Amino acid sequence: MTSPDIARILYGSPLAKPRTAKFAIAVLLVLVLISSYTLFTSLQAKVTSPDGVRVMAIAFLWSALFSSGTVAILWFLDRREHESRWLYAIAFLWGAFIATGIALPFNQIIISTIADWVNAHPAVKDYLGANAGFKIAAPIAGPLVEEITKGAGVLLIFLLLKSEFDDTRDGFIYGALIGAGFNFLESVHYIVSEYAKWGYAPWLLHIGGRHALFGLTGHALYTGIFGLFLGWSRQTTRTWWRYLAPVVGWLLGFSAHFSQNIGMLLAVLEQRAAGAAVSAVETPPPSLNPDGVPFWINWVFISSAYVVKFWLFLLLVGFLLWRSGVWERRVIRDELANEVEPIITPEEYEGVKRDRILKTRRIAGYNRRTAAAIVRAQDELAFRKWRLQQQGQDVNADALVTSWRGELLRLRESIKPNPELDRRELTTTFPFKSFWALCCGCRSSKFQSGR
């Protein structure tokens, strides 16, 4: 990532101010230390043998493989305006380490408190059967704690990196990435926990089940819904919906998570209502290939079952993503209409008009990487112009608009980036101290704060 790329990401961000950046770094380090400690101590208590280490390593590999499928799907959805790979990594790692590590002790407190209450009420324990405390605690602890810790990451990106959070699609991408990161590590944690408890790893339940439909029916869906509505609040012109949309989105994500976690409790209550007995002995989870059915066939069946279970939430996400695509294409078409060469050529604008839901335009005459960079710069310019017009600001006086136009000129002139030109662009376009420069200890005059 070049200095201008970093500066564009931080344009208008509170992180461009040294004092705010230092405070953010300090808070982040504290969260990383807390999360690392809780995750390490939890895994250390469960992995007590060489076989346990081997199971954990295999779990990491399987979880990484399925999570890469989730990220690949999100990358495709984000094809018109790819966010920085660094932001992808940051969002994923927030879910994998910070959200998971912070949620773990709070989940344990809630689960142990409810378990103690259940043990103090034998009638409840007898009625609900084995693991009664967990059956009650799961729909409370998981949705409440985990949607807060994951949602906090999406909210921070929304508040701190406004130039990278344009619409509903951006919001879903960030939320789903954080959810995918959470699912990545949670799957591993459950595998090693169950291995320590039963002596074998229930791969189908915690890899096949938690990564059903490449993880898009789990945490990526729950937190993706919250991000989707956060993005909608950024995109809308209605003041009342700008404040209400994030609340609605979080409640919907919470509801989707709640509907998943309450399944065990509802199944027991249904059994009791039908007059059936409930076992007081916990049933071991299924292994890799129950009844001899191959893992991948079971994975397809589980994915299909989750699609049926979450069809309403998936339909909502699909509809809003479709609408966001319509909105994006309209904004790009309208805002680039009055641009001239070298920003966009008449032939390229014809490509803009022909863009469709599954067809992304290409720039002829350049190698693939440069062509993609030109398309991204044009799209970023269009979204920035739209945002400024909604705020009643002068488009031509905006530093970010000037920077994207300069980037297009640079791409036209040379396929290979020129570091000296990058520094000149940053000096003339962004008169504030870069967060990256702060991290590296840079004190050059071109980073003196101004905004």
Protein backbone atom coordinates (compact mmCIF):
# COMPACT_ATOMS: atom_id res chain seq x y z
CA MET A 1 0.00 0.00 0.00
CA THR A 2 1.41 3.38 -1.03
CA SER A 3 1.36 6.55 1.06
CA PRO A 4 -1.42 8.12 -1.05
CA ASP A 5 -3.54 4.99 -0.54
CA ILE A 6 -3.11 5.26 3.22
CA ALA A 7 -3.85 8.97 3.14
CA ARG A 8 -7.06 8.44 1.15
CA ILE A 9 -8.25 5.84 3.63
CA LEU A 10 -7.62 8.25 6.51
CA TYR A 11 -8.97 11.35 4.77
CA GLY A 12 -11.42 13.06 7.14
CA SER A 13 -10.78 10.38 9.77
CA PRO A 14 -10.22 11.21 13.45
CA LEU A 15 -7.17 8.93 13.17
CA ALA A 16 -5.45 11.62 11.10
CA LYS A 17 -5.05 13.59 14.35
CA PRO A 18 -1.95 12.45 16.28
CA ARG A 19 -3.58 12.53 19.70
CA THR A 20 -6.57 10.47 18.55
CA ALA A 21 -4.31 8.05 16.69
CA LYS A 22 -2.14 7.48 19.78
CA PHE A 23 -5.21 6.86 21.92
CA ALA A 24 -6.61 4.42 19.33
CA ILE A 25 -3.31 2.53 19.19
CA ALA A 26 -3.21 2.30 22.99
CA VAL A 27 -6.78 0.99 23.21
CA LEU A 28 -6.12 -1.50 20.40
CA LEU A 29 -3.00 -2.81 22.15
CA VAL A 30 -4.95 -3.29 25.39
CA LEU A 31 -7.68 -5.19 23.53
CA VAL A 32 -5.09 -7.36 21.76
CA LEU A 33 -3.38 -8.20 25.07
CA ILE A 34 -6.67 -9.07 26.77
CA SER A 35 -7.84 -11.17 23.84
CA SER A 36 -4.51 -12.96 23.49
CA TYR A 37 -4.49 -13.85 27.16
CA THR A 38 -8.06 -15.18 27.24
CA LEU A 39 -7.66 -17.19 24.04
CA PHE A 40 -4.26 -18.59 24.99
CA THR A 41 -5.32 -19.65 28.49
CA SER A 42 -8.54 -21.19 27.18
CA LEU A 43 -6.81 -23.21 24.45
CA GLN A 44 -3.93 -24.17 26.75
CA ALA A 45 -6.38 -25.65 29.26
CA LYS A 46 -7.93 -27.83 26.55
CA VAL A 47 -4.89 -28.83 24.48
CA THR A 48 -2.98 -31.05 26.89
CA SER A 49 -1.39 -33.69 24.64
CA PRO A 50 0.47 -34.04 21.33
CA ASP A 51 -2.72 -35.45 19.80
CA GLY A 52 -4.57 -32.34 20.98
CA VAL A 53 -1.99 -30.13 19.27
CA ARG A 54 -2.40 -32.16 16.07
CA VAL A 55 -6.20 -31.82 16.21
CA MET A 56 -5.91 -28.08 16.78
CA ALA A 57 -3.53 -27.68 13.83
CA ILE A 58 -5.88 -29.62 11.54
CA ALA A 59 -8.81 -27.55 12.80
CA PHE A 60 -6.97 -24.34 11.93
CA LEU A 61 -6.27 -25.64 8.42
CA TRP A 62 -9.87 -26.73 7.77
CA SER A 63 -11.29 -23.53 9.21
CA ALA A 64 -8.87 -21.43 7.15
CA LEU A 65 -9.85 -23.32 3.98
CA PHE A 66 -13.58 -22.72 4.45
CA SER A 67 -13.02 -19.12 5.61
CA SER A 68 -11.07 -18.41 2.44
CA GLY A 69 -14.21 -19.35 0.53
CA THR A 70 -16.18 -16.78 2.52
CA VAL A 71 -13.61 -14.07 1.84
CA ALA A 72 -13.52 -14.94 -1.88
CA ILE A 73 -17.30 -14.53 -2.14
CA LEU A 74 -17.12 -11.16 -0.35
CA TRP A 75 -14.28 -10.06 -2.64
CA PHE A 76 -16.48 -10.82 -5.65
CA LEU A 77 -19.40 -8.86 -4.16
CA ASP A 78 -17.02 -5.93 -3.64
CA ARG A 79 -15.71 -5.99 -7.22
CA ARG A 80 -16.84 -2.49 -8.28
CA GLU A 81 -15.02 -0.72 -5.47
CA HIS A 82 -12.59 -3.10 -3.81
CA GLU A 83 -11.65 -1.99 -0.33
CA SER A 84 -8.00 -2.17 0.65
CA ARG A 85 -6.65 -5.65 1.37
CA TRP A 86 -5.36 -4.19 4.63
CA LEU A 87 -8.93 -3.32 5.64
CA TYR A 88 -10.03 -6.83 4.74
CA ALA A 89 -7.29 -8.20 7.00
CA ILE A 90 -8.08 -5.78 9.83
CA ALA A 91 -11.80 -6.62 9.74
CA PHE A 92 -11.14 -10.37 9.65
CA LEU A 93 -8.59 -10.19 12.48
CA TRP A 94 -10.92 -8.08 14.64
CA GLY A 95 -13.46 -10.89 14.43
CA ALA A 96 -10.92 -13.68 14.84
CA PHE A 97 -8.97 -12.36 17.81
CA ILE A 98 -10.43 -9.27 19.44
CA ALA A 99 -14.16 -10.02 19.20
CA THR A 100 -13.61 -13.69 20.07
CA GLY A 101 -11.18 -13.01 22.90
CA ILE A 102 -13.33 -10.29 24.50
CA ALA A 103 -16.56 -12.29 24.15
CA LEU A 104 -15.13 -15.49 25.66
CA PRO A 105 -14.94 -14.48 29.35
CA PHE A 106 -18.33 -12.71 29.26
CA ASN A 107 -19.93 -15.78 27.68
CA GLN A 108 -18.39 -17.96 30.35
CA ILE A 109 -19.69 -15.70 33.14
CA ILE A 110 -23.25 -15.77 31.79
CA ILE A 111 -23.18 -19.53 31.14
CA SER A 112 -21.75 -20.37 34.58
CA THR A 113 -24.22 -18.04 36.33
CA ILE A 114 -27.20 -19.64 34.61
CA ALA A 115 -25.76 -23.12 35.20
CA ASP A 116 -25.51 -22.37 38.95
CA TRP A 117 -29.12 -21.18 38.93
CA VAL A 118 -30.25 -24.35 37.15
CA ASN A 119 -28.35 -26.52 39.63
CA ALA A 120 -30.14 -24.70 42.44
CA HIS A 121 -33.49 -25.58 40.83
CA PRO A 122 -33.55 -29.37 40.29
CA ALA A 123 -37.02 -29.27 38.75
CA VAL A 124 -35.73 -27.13 35.86
CA LYS A 125 -32.72 -29.41 35.43
CA ASP A 126 -34.90 -32.53 35.34
CA TYR A 127 -37.34 -30.95 32.89
CA LEU A 128 -34.69 -29.81 30.38
CA GLY A 129 -32.40 -32.81 30.74
CA ALA A 130 -28.65 -32.95 30.16
CA ASN A 131 -26.74 -29.67 29.85
CA ALA A 132 -29.84 -27.72 30.90
CA GLY A 133 -27.88 -24.62 31.89
CA PHE A 134 -26.24 -24.34 28.48
CA LYS A 135 -29.57 -24.78 26.70
CA ILE A 136 -30.90 -21.71 28.53
CA ALA A 137 -27.68 -19.68 28.40
CA ALA A 138 -26.83 -20.21 24.70
CA PRO A 139 -29.61 -17.97 23.28
CA ILE A 140 -28.74 -15.28 25.83
CA ALA A 141 -24.96 -15.18 25.99
CA GLY A 142 -24.06 -15.81 22.35
CA PRO A 143 -26.32 -13.33 20.55
CA LEU A 144 -25.96 -10.58 23.15
CA VAL A 145 -22.24 -10.67 23.87
CA GLU A 146 -20.94 -11.74 20.47
CA GLU A 147 -23.07 -9.35 18.41
CA ILE A 148 -21.80 -6.50 20.61
CA THR A 149 -18.11 -7.42 20.30
CA LYS A 150 -18.36 -8.06 16.55
CA GLY A 151 -20.64 -5.10 15.94
CA ALA A 152 -18.18 -2.83 17.74
CA GLY A 153 -15.63 -3.56 15.02
CA VAL A 154 -18.05 -2.62 12.24
CA LEU A 155 -19.06 0.52 14.10
CA LEU A 156 -15.43 1.58 14.53
CA ILE A 157 -14.79 1.26 10.80
CA PHE A 158 -17.98 3.22 10.15
CA LEU A 159 -16.96 6.05 12.48
CA LEU A 160 -13.20 6.16 11.93
CA LEU A 161 -12.88 5.38 8.21
CA LYS A 162 -15.79 7.24 6.66
CA SER A 163 -14.15 7.56 3.26
CA GLU A 164 -14.12 3.74 2.99
CA PHE A 165 -17.72 3.15 4.07
CA ASP A 166 -20.04 4.32 1.30
CA ASP A 167 -23.16 2.18 1.18
CA THR A 168 -25.01 -0.98 2.18
CA ARG A 169 -22.65 -3.22 0.23
CA ASP A 170 -19.58 -1.84 2.01
CA GLY A 171 -21.33 -2.36 5.33
CA PHE A 172 -22.19 -5.96 4.56
CA ILE A 173 -18.62 -6.67 3.41
CA TYR A 174 -17.09 -5.34 6.64
CA GLY A 175 -19.66 -7.02 8.88
CA ALA A 176 -19.39 -10.36 7.09
CA LEU A 177 -15.57 -10.21 7.22
CA ILE A 178 -15.66 -9.68 10.97
CA GLY A 179 -18.20 -12.48 11.30
CA ALA A 180 -16.03 -14.77 9.14
CA GLY A 181 -13.02 -14.04 11.35
CA PHE A 182 -15.05 -14.83 14.46
CA ASN A 183 -16.28 -18.07 12.92
CA PHE A 184 -12.73 -19.00 11.90
CA LEU A 185 -11.43 -19.07 15.47
CA GLU A 186 -14.63 -20.13 17.20
CA SER A 187 -14.72 -23.29 15.05
CA VAL A 188 -11.21 -24.19 16.19
CA HIS A 189 -12.06 -23.45 19.82
CA TYR A 190 -15.10 -25.74 19.76
CA ILE A 191 -13.17 -28.52 18.03
CA VAL A 192 -10.42 -28.61 20.67
CA SER A 193 -13.00 -28.26 23.48
CA GLU A 194 -15.03 -31.21 22.23
CA TYR A 195 -11.87 -33.26 21.63
CA ALA A 196 -10.80 -32.67 25.23
CA LYS A 197 -14.29 -33.68 26.40
CA TRP A 198 -15.07 -36.70 24.19
CA GLY A 199 -11.68 -37.88 22.96
CA TYR A 200 -12.48 -37.29 19.29
CA ALA A 201 -13.04 -34.24 17.10
CA PRO A 202 -16.60 -33.61 15.82
CA TRP A 203 -15.50 -32.23 12.45
CA LEU A 204 -18.94 -32.34 10.85
CA LEU A 205 -20.63 -30.30 13.58
CA HIS A 206 -18.03 -27.57 14.04
CA ILE A 207 -16.45 -27.40 10.59
CA GLY A 208 -19.26 -28.59 8.33
CA GLY A 209 -22.00 -26.95 10.39
CA ARG A 210 -20.34 -23.67 11.32
CA HIS A 211 -19.03 -23.20 7.78
CA ALA A 212 -22.26 -24.23 6.06
CA LEU A 213 -22.74 -22.36 2.81
CA PHE A 214 -19.13 -21.12 3.27
CA GLY A 215 -20.05 -19.53 6.57
CA LEU A 216 -22.71 -17.25 5.09
CA THR A 217 -25.45 -18.72 7.28
CA GLY A 218 -23.61 -18.04 10.54
CA HIS A 219 -21.65 -15.20 12.05
CA ALA A 220 -20.94 -13.64 8.65
CA LEU A 221 -24.70 -13.35 8.15
CA TYR A 222 -25.49 -12.02 11.64
CA THR A 223 -22.88 -9.26 11.68
CA GLY A 224 -23.22 -8.69 7.95
CA ILE A 225 -26.84 -7.65 8.52
CA PHE A 226 -25.75 -5.06 11.07
CA GLY A 227 -23.10 -3.73 8.68
CA LEU A 228 -25.66 -3.70 5.86
CA PHE A 229 -27.97 -1.38 7.79
CA LEU A 230 -25.06 0.79 8.97
CA GLY A 231 -24.18 1.27 5.32
CA TRP A 232 -27.80 2.04 4.55
CA SER A 233 -27.70 4.81 7.15
CA ARG A 234 -24.66 6.28 5.37
CA GLN A 235 -26.37 5.98 1.99
CA THR A 236 -29.83 7.34 2.82
CA THR A 237 -30.91 10.97 2.54
CA ARG A 238 -33.66 10.55 5.17
CA THR A 239 -32.50 11.88 8.54
CA TRP A 240 -34.78 9.67 10.65
CA TRP A 241 -33.65 6.48 8.91
CA ARG A 242 -30.00 7.49 9.26
CA TYR A 243 -30.34 7.07 13.03
CA LEU A 244 -32.86 4.23 13.09
CA ALA A 245 -31.26 1.92 10.51
CA PRO A 246 -28.26 0.83 12.68
CA VAL A 247 -30.59 -0.09 15.56
CA VAL A 248 -32.85 -2.11 13.25
CA GLY A 249 -29.83 -3.81 11.70
CA TRP A 250 -28.33 -4.83 15.04
CA LEU A 251 -31.67 -6.19 16.27
CA LEU A 252 -32.09 -8.20 13.07
CA GLY A 253 -28.57 -9.64 13.39
CA PHE A 254 -29.26 -10.44 17.03
CA SER A 255 -32.55 -12.13 16.05
CA ALA A 256 -30.85 -14.30 13.42
CA HIS A 257 -28.22 -15.38 15.97
CA PHE A 258 -30.88 -15.92 18.64
CA SER A 259 -32.97 -18.11 16.30
CA GLN A 260 -29.92 -20.35 15.81
CA ASN A 261 -28.90 -20.64 19.47
CA ILE A 262 -32.38 -21.29 20.83
CA GLY A 263 -32.75 -24.43 18.73
CA MET A 264 -31.66 -26.87 21.45
CA LEU A 265 -34.03 -25.37 24.00
CA LEU A 266 -36.98 -25.38 21.59
CA ALA A 267 -36.30 -29.02 20.67
CA VAL A 268 -36.45 -30.05 24.34
CA LEU A 269 -39.61 -28.04 24.97
CA GLU A 270 -41.21 -29.64 21.93
CA GLN A 271 -40.29 -33.09 23.22
CA ARG A 272 -41.79 -32.32 26.61
CA ALA A 273 -44.95 -30.92 25.04
CA ALA A 274 -45.34 -34.18 23.09
CA GLY A 275 -44.95 -36.16 26.32
CA ALA A 276 -41.58 -37.64 25.35
CA ALA A 277 -38.82 -38.25 27.88
CA VAL A 278 -35.66 -36.15 27.80
CA SER A 279 -32.32 -37.83 28.42
CA ALA A 280 -30.37 -36.79 31.49
CA VAL A 281 -27.15 -37.94 29.79
CA GLU A 282 -25.47 -35.70 27.21
CA THR A 283 -25.33 -37.23 23.72
CA PRO A 284 -21.89 -37.20 22.02
CA PRO A 285 -21.75 -35.09 18.83
CA PRO A 286 -21.44 -36.77 15.39
CA SER A 287 -17.99 -37.56 14.07
CA LEU A 288 -16.59 -36.89 10.59
CA ASN A 289 -18.77 -39.22 8.49
CA PRO A 290 -21.83 -40.37 10.50
CA ASP A 291 -23.57 -43.43 9.03
CA GLY A 292 -20.81 -43.63 6.40
CA VAL A 293 -22.04 -40.57 4.50
CA PRO A 294 -19.11 -38.54 3.07
CA PHE A 295 -18.35 -35.21 4.71
CA TRP A 296 -19.03 -33.09 1.63
CA ILE A 297 -22.51 -34.61 1.12
CA ASN A 298 -23.37 -33.88 4.75
CA TRP A 299 -22.01 -30.36 4.25
CA VAL A 300 -24.37 -29.83 1.30
CA PHE A 301 -27.34 -31.14 3.31
CA ILE A 302 -26.47 -28.92 6.30
CA SER A 303 -26.05 -25.89 4.03
CA SER A 304 -29.45 -26.58 2.46
CA ALA A 305 -31.06 -26.90 5.89
CA TYR A 306 -29.59 -23.57 6.99
CA VAL A 307 -30.79 -21.87 3.80
CA VAL A 308 -34.31 -23.03 4.68
CA LYS A 309 -33.90 -21.94 8.29
CA PHE A 310 -32.53 -18.47 7.49
CA TRP A 311 -34.40 -17.93 4.22
CA LEU A 312 -36.03 -14.68 5.40
CA PHE A 313 -32.72 -13.14 6.49
CA LEU A 314 -30.95 -14.35 3.35
CA LEU A 315 -33.75 -12.96 1.19
CA LEU A 316 -33.45 -9.59 2.95
CA VAL A 317 -29.67 -9.50 2.47
CA GLY A 318 -29.96 -10.57 -1.15
CA PHE A 319 -32.58 -7.92 -1.90
CA LEU A 320 -30.60 -5.11 -0.27
CA LEU A 321 -27.38 -6.17 -2.00
CA TRP A 322 -29.23 -6.19 -5.32
CA ARG A 323 -30.60 -2.71 -4.59
CA SER A 324 -27.13 -1.53 -3.63
CA GLY A 325 -25.84 -2.73 -6.99
CA VAL A 326 -28.54 -0.74 -8.77
CA TRP A 327 -27.66 2.32 -6.69
CA GLU A 328 -23.93 1.95 -7.27
CA ARG A 329 -24.32 1.65 -11.04
CA ARG A 330 -26.59 4.71 -11.10
CA VAL A 331 -24.22 6.83 -9.03
CA ILE A 332 -21.22 5.82 -11.15
CA ARG A 333 -23.12 6.53 -14.35
CA ASP A 334 -24.47 9.91 -13.19
CA GLU A 335 -21.31 11.23 -11.51
CA LEU A 336 -18.94 10.27 -14.33
CA ALA A 337 -21.19 11.73 -17.01
CA ASN A 338 -19.62 15.21 -16.77
CA GLU A 339 -16.02 13.99 -16.50
CA VAL A 340 -13.71 14.23 -19.52
CA GLU A 341 -10.41 12.71 -20.61
CA PRO A 342 -8.11 11.66 -19.01
CA ILE A 343 -10.55 10.91 -16.18
CA ILE A 344 -12.74 8.79 -18.46
CA THR A 345 -12.86 8.35 -22.22
CA PRO A 346 -16.10 8.20 -24.26
CA GLU A 347 -15.49 4.48 -24.90
CA GLU A 348 -15.05 3.83 -21.18
CA TYR A 349 -18.24 5.72 -20.37
CA GLU A 350 -20.12 3.51 -22.81
CA GLY A 351 -18.81 0.61 -20.75
CA VAL A 352 -20.18 2.30 -17.62
CA LYS A 353 -23.63 2.43 -19.21
CA ARG A 354 -23.44 -1.26 -20.17
CA ASP A 355 -22.44 -2.42 -16.68
CA ARG A 356 -24.85 -5.01 -15.24
CA ILE A 357 -25.41 -6.91 -12.01
CA LEU A 358 -22.97 -9.75 -12.79
CA LYS A 359 -20.99 -8.02 -15.51
CA THR A 360 -18.18 -5.67 -14.47
CA ARG A 361 -16.65 -3.33 -17.03
CA ARG A 362 -13.06 -3.64 -18.21
CA ILE A 363 -10.66 -1.02 -19.58
CA ALA A 364 -9.09 -1.93 -22.91
CA GLY A 365 -5.46 -1.15 -23.75
CA TYR A 366 -3.98 -1.72 -20.28
CA ASN A 367 -2.78 -4.74 -18.42
CA ARG A 368 -5.31 -6.31 -16.06
CA ARG A 369 -3.94 -4.76 -12.88
CA THR A 370 -3.79 -1.22 -14.29
CA ALA A 371 -7.23 -1.57 -15.89
CA ALA A 372 -8.70 -2.66 -12.53
CA ALA A 373 -6.99 0.29 -10.80
CA ILE A 374 -8.50 2.73 -13.33
CA VAL A 375 -11.99 1.30 -12.83
CA ARG A 376 -11.61 1.48 -9.03
CA ALA A 377 -10.35 5.08 -9.15
CA GLN A 378 -13.25 6.12 -11.40
CA ASP A 379 -15.79 4.44 -9.12
CA GLU A 380 -14.22 5.96 -5.98
CA LEU A 381 -14.34 9.38 -7.64
CA ALA A 382 -18.03 8.92 -8.46
CA PHE A 383 -18.98 7.90 -4.92
CA ARG A 384 -17.00 10.76 -3.42
CA LYS A 385 -18.69 13.29 -5.70
CA TRP A 386 -22.11 11.92 -4.77
CA ARG A 387 -21.32 12.15 -1.05
CA LEU A 388 -20.15 15.77 -1.34
CA GLN A 389 -23.23 16.80 -3.27
CA GLN A 390 -25.47 15.25 -0.61
CA GLN A 391 -23.61 17.31 1.98
CA GLY A 392 -23.87 20.48 -0.11
CA GLN A 393 -20.11 20.83 -0.56
CA ASP A 394 -18.09 21.99 -3.55
CA VAL A 395 -16.89 18.95 -5.48
CA ASN A 396 -13.99 20.70 -7.20
CA ALA A 397 -12.64 22.06 -3.90
CA ASP A 398 -12.40 18.62 -2.29
CA ALA A 399 -8.91 17.18 -1.78
CA LEU A 400 -10.06 13.58 -2.18
CA VAL A 401 -11.72 14.32 -5.53
CA THR A 402 -8.51 16.02 -6.68
CA SER A 403 -6.50 13.03 -5.51
CA TRP A 404 -8.60 10.46 -7.41
CA ARG A 405 -8.38 12.58 -10.57
CA GLY A 406 -4.62 12.76 -10.07
CA GLU A 407 -4.46 9.01 -9.60
CA LEU A 408 -6.26 8.48 -12.91
CA LEU A 409 -3.81 10.81 -14.64
CA ARG A 410 -0.89 8.87 -13.14
CA LEU A 411 -2.34 5.55 -14.24
CA ARG A 412 -2.79 6.86 -17.77
CA GLU A 413 0.76 8.16 -17.98
CA SER A 414 2.59 5.16 -16.61
CA ILE A 415 1.73 1.54 -15.85
CA LYS A 416 4.43 1.40 -13.18
CA PRO A 417 3.72 3.60 -10.13
CA ASN A 418 6.24 6.39 -9.52
CA PRO A 419 7.10 6.72 -5.81
CA GLU A 420 8.23 10.33 -6.24
CA LEU A 421 4.91 11.20 -7.87
CA ASP A 422 3.09 9.40 -5.04
CA ARG A 423 4.87 11.61 -2.50
CA ARG A 424 4.15 14.80 -4.47
CA GLU A 425 0.46 13.87 -4.71
CA LEU A 426 0.30 13.29 -0.96
CA THR A 427 2.09 16.57 -0.24
CA THR A 428 -0.17 18.73 -2.40
CA THR A 429 -3.45 16.93 -1.76
CA PHE A 430 -3.50 15.86 1.88
CA PRO A 431 -2.23 18.54 4.30
CA PHE A 432 -2.46 16.47 7.45
CA LYS A 433 -0.35 14.04 9.44
CA SER A 434 -0.80 10.50 8.22
CA PHE A 435 -1.68 7.76 10.69
CA TRP A 436 0.89 5.59 8.90
CA ALA A 437 3.53 8.24 9.38
CA LEU A 438 2.69 8.37 13.07
CA CYS A 439 3.13 4.60 13.37
CA CYS A 440 6.50 4.79 11.60
CA GLY A 441 7.69 7.80 13.56
CA CYS A 442 7.80 10.02 10.47
CA ARG A 443 8.04 13.75 11.21
CA SER A 444 8.36 15.05 7.63
CA SER A 445 6.79 18.46 6.92
CA LYS A 446 4.42 17.02 4.34
CA PHE A 447 2.52 15.26 7.12
CA GLN A 448 1.88 18.33 9.25
CA SER A 449 -1.71 18.25 10.42
CA GLY A 450 -4.17 20.61 8.94
CA ARG A 451 -7.51 18.93 8.80
